C-alpha atoms as a PDB file:
ATOM      1  CA  MET A   1      34.726  58.352  92.171  1.00  0.00           C
ATOM      2  CA  THR A   2      31.645  57.946  90.048  1.00  0.00           C
ATOM      3  CA  ARG A   3      28.292  56.867  91.467  1.00  0.00           C
ATOM      4  CA  ARG A   4      26.764  53.717  90.192  1.00  0.00           C
ATOM      5  CA  LYS A   5      23.303  53.978  88.700  1.00  0.00           C
ATOM      6  CA  ARG A   6      20.608  52.660  91.048  1.00  0.00           C
ATOM      7  CA  ARG A   7      19.708  49.045  90.332  1.00  0.00           C
ATOM      8  CA  ASN A   8      16.450  47.305  90.911  1.00  0.00           C
ATOM      9  CA  HIS A   9      16.845  43.642  91.819  1.00  0.00           C
ATOM     10  CA  SER A  10      14.152  41.064  91.269  1.00  0.00           C
ATOM     11  CA  SER A  11      12.473  39.297  94.199  1.00  0.00           C
ATOM     12  CA  ALA A  12      13.976  36.023  93.066  1.00  0.00           C
ATOM     13  CA  PHE A  13      17.471  37.542  93.135  1.00  0.00           C
ATOM     14  CA  LYS A  14      16.934  38.950  96.629  1.00  0.00           C
ATOM     15  CA  ALA A  15      15.539  35.613  97.897  1.00  0.00           C
ATOM     16  CA  LYS A  16      18.575  33.859  96.470  1.00  0.00           C
ATOM     17  CA  VAL A  17      21.023  36.124  98.091  1.00  0.00           C
ATOM     18  CA  ALA A  18      19.153  36.169 101.424  1.00  0.00           C
ATOM     19  CA  LEU A  19      18.938  32.377 101.430  1.00  0.00           C
ATOM     20  CA  ALA A  20      22.732  32.213 100.822  1.00  0.00           C
ATOM     21  CA  ALA A  21      23.283  34.472 103.874  1.00  0.00           C
ATOM     22  CA  LEU A  22      20.957  32.338 105.908  1.00  0.00           C
ATOM     23  CA  LYS A  23      23.086  29.222 105.108  1.00  0.00           C
ATOM     24  CA  GLY A  24      26.071  30.774 106.570  1.00  0.00           C
ATOM     25  CA  GLU A  25      28.516  29.000 104.377  1.00  0.00           C
ATOM     26  CA  HIS A  26      30.191  32.401 103.352  1.00  0.00           C
ATOM     27  CA  THR A  27      30.746  35.717 104.994  1.00  0.00           C
ATOM     28  CA  LEU A  28      28.675  38.766 104.104  1.00  0.00           C
ATOM     29  CA  ALA A  29      31.793  40.247 102.452  1.00  0.00           C
ATOM     30  CA  GLU A  30      32.244  37.162 100.314  1.00  0.00           C
ATOM     31  CA  LEU A  31      28.527  37.105  99.305  1.00  0.00           C
ATOM     32  CA  ALA A  32      28.682  40.885  98.581  1.00  0.00           C
ATOM     33  CA  GLU A  33      31.466  40.320  96.157  1.00  0.00           C
ATOM     34  CA  GLN A  34      29.915  37.219  94.642  1.00  0.00           C
ATOM     35  CA  PHE A  35      26.491  38.957  94.036  1.00  0.00           C
ATOM     36  CA  ASP A  36      27.939  42.511  93.523  1.00  0.00           C
ATOM     37  CA  VAL A  37      25.764  44.180  96.303  1.00  0.00           C
ATOM     38  CA  HIS A  38      26.613  45.916  99.478  1.00  0.00           C
ATOM     39  CA  PRO A  39      26.804  43.780 102.699  1.00  0.00           C
ATOM     40  CA  ASN A  40      24.240  46.090 104.302  1.00  0.00           C
ATOM     41  CA  GLN A  41      21.784  45.244 101.558  1.00  0.00           C
ATOM     42  CA  ILE A  42      22.288  41.510 102.173  1.00  0.00           C
ATOM     43  CA  GLN A  43      21.648  41.965 105.799  1.00  0.00           C
ATOM     44  CA  ASP A  44      18.369  43.821 105.099  1.00  0.00           C
ATOM     45  CA  TRP A  45      17.131  41.273 102.660  1.00  0.00           C
ATOM     46  CA  LYS A  46      18.054  38.460 105.115  1.00  0.00           C
ATOM     47  CA  ARG A  47      16.171  40.210 107.958  1.00  0.00           C
ATOM     48  CA  ARG A  48      13.124  40.807 105.697  1.00  0.00           C
ATOM     49  CA  LEU A  49      13.108  37.048 104.711  1.00  0.00           C
ATOM     50  CA  VAL A  50      13.228  35.927 108.400  1.00  0.00           C
ATOM     51  CA  GLU A  51      10.538  38.278 109.354  1.00  0.00           C
ATOM     52  CA  GLY A  52       8.297  37.233 106.495  1.00  0.00           C
ATOM     53  CA  ALA A  53       8.757  33.556 107.134  1.00  0.00           C
ATOM     54  CA  ASP A  54       5.646  33.265 109.357  1.00  0.00           C
ATOM     55  CA  ASP A  55       3.470  34.384 106.496  1.00  0.00           C
ATOM     56  CA  VAL A  56       4.773  31.490 104.452  1.00  0.00           C
ATOM     57  CA  PHE A  57       3.688  28.915 107.089  1.00  0.00           C
ATOM     58  CA  GLY A  58       0.263  30.213 107.885  1.00  0.00           C
ATOM     59  CA  GLY A  59       0.638  33.741 109.429  1.00  0.00           C
ATOM     60  CA  HIS A  60      -1.253  35.137 106.447  1.00  0.00           C
ATOM     61  CA  ALA A  61      -4.107  32.719 106.938  1.00  0.00           C
ATOM     62  CA  VAL A  62      -4.629  33.946 110.538  1.00  0.00           C
ATOM     63  CA  LYS A  63      -4.739  37.489 109.444  1.00  0.00           C
ATOM     64  CA  ALA A  64      -7.234  36.625 106.736  1.00  0.00           C
ATOM     65  CA  ASP A  65      -9.390  34.812 109.299  1.00  0.00           C
ATOM     66  CA  GLN A  66      -9.292  37.805 111.578  1.00  0.00           C
ATOM     67  CA  SER A  67     -10.233  40.119 108.650  1.00  0.00           C
ATOM     68  CA  GLU A  68     -13.176  37.855 107.786  1.00  0.00           C
ATOM     69  CA  ARG A  69     -14.496  38.076 111.330  1.00  0.00           C
ATOM     70  CA  GLU A  70     -14.049  41.808 111.464  1.00  0.00           C
ATOM     71  CA  VAL A  71     -16.044  42.171 108.108  1.00  0.00           C
ATOM     72  CA  GLU A  72     -18.884  39.914 109.454  1.00  0.00           C
ATOM     73  CA  LYS A  73     -19.029  42.197 112.555  1.00  0.00           C
ATOM     74  CA  LEU A  74     -19.311  45.292 110.361  1.00  0.00           C
ATOM     75  CA  HIS A  75     -21.946  43.676 108.332  1.00  0.00           C
ATOM     76  CA  CYS A  76     -24.003  42.786 111.442  1.00  0.00           C
ATOM     77  CA  ARG A  77     -23.569  46.434 112.705  1.00  0.00           C
ATOM     78  CA  HIS A  78     -24.656  47.783 109.318  1.00  0.00           C
ATOM     79  CA  ARG A  79     -27.827  45.551 109.260  1.00  0.00           C
ATOM     80  CA  ARG A  80     -28.715  46.620 112.814  1.00  0.00           C
ATOM     81  CA  TYR A  81     -28.420  50.365 112.060  1.00  0.00           C
ATOM     82  CA  LYS A  82     -30.195  49.884 108.750  1.00  0.00           C
ATOM     83  CA  SER A  83     -33.032  48.214 110.629  1.00  0.00           C
ATOM     84  CA  ILE A  84     -33.180  51.009 113.273  1.00  0.00           C
ATOM     85  CA  ASN A  85     -33.133  53.669 110.607  1.00  0.00           C
ATOM     86  CA  HIS A  86     -35.937  52.001 108.756  1.00  0.00           C
ATOM     87  CA  HIS A  87     -37.994  51.685 111.969  1.00  0.00           C
ATOM     88  CA  ASN A  88     -37.487  55.244 112.783  1.00  0.00           C
ATOM     89  CA  ARG A  89     -38.795  56.312 109.308  1.00  0.00           C
ATOM     90  CA  LEU A  90     -41.901  54.408 109.745  1.00  0.00           C
ATOM     91  CA  SER A  91     -42.675  55.656 113.325  1.00  0.00           C
ATOM     92  CA  PRO A  92     -44.794  58.759 113.598  1.00  0.00           C
ATOM     93  CA  ARG A  93     -42.859  61.670 114.849  1.00  0.00           C
ATOM     94  CA  PRO A  94     -44.160  63.784 117.728  1.00  0.00           C
ATOM     95  CA  ALA A  95     -45.345  67.220 116.833  1.00  0.00           C
END
């Protein structure tokens, strides 16, 4: 038995196969034969599609908002330390 050369599928192809699996009109074995991929691969693409669906409907926006708040906190902290450092450099040091 010869090994098949490793194939790289496009994102569009993966989405098409995963959506066909989600519809449930055909079994995994039928889809695997139709698209010439292993059933386990179809299950993996289907799982990844379902897990990533929240990003499509705003999950990514929530993460971006949290990131912006975190960046603003870091900027505030940086300004505070910069101010303290500047103040310490101007203060006379005890001998």
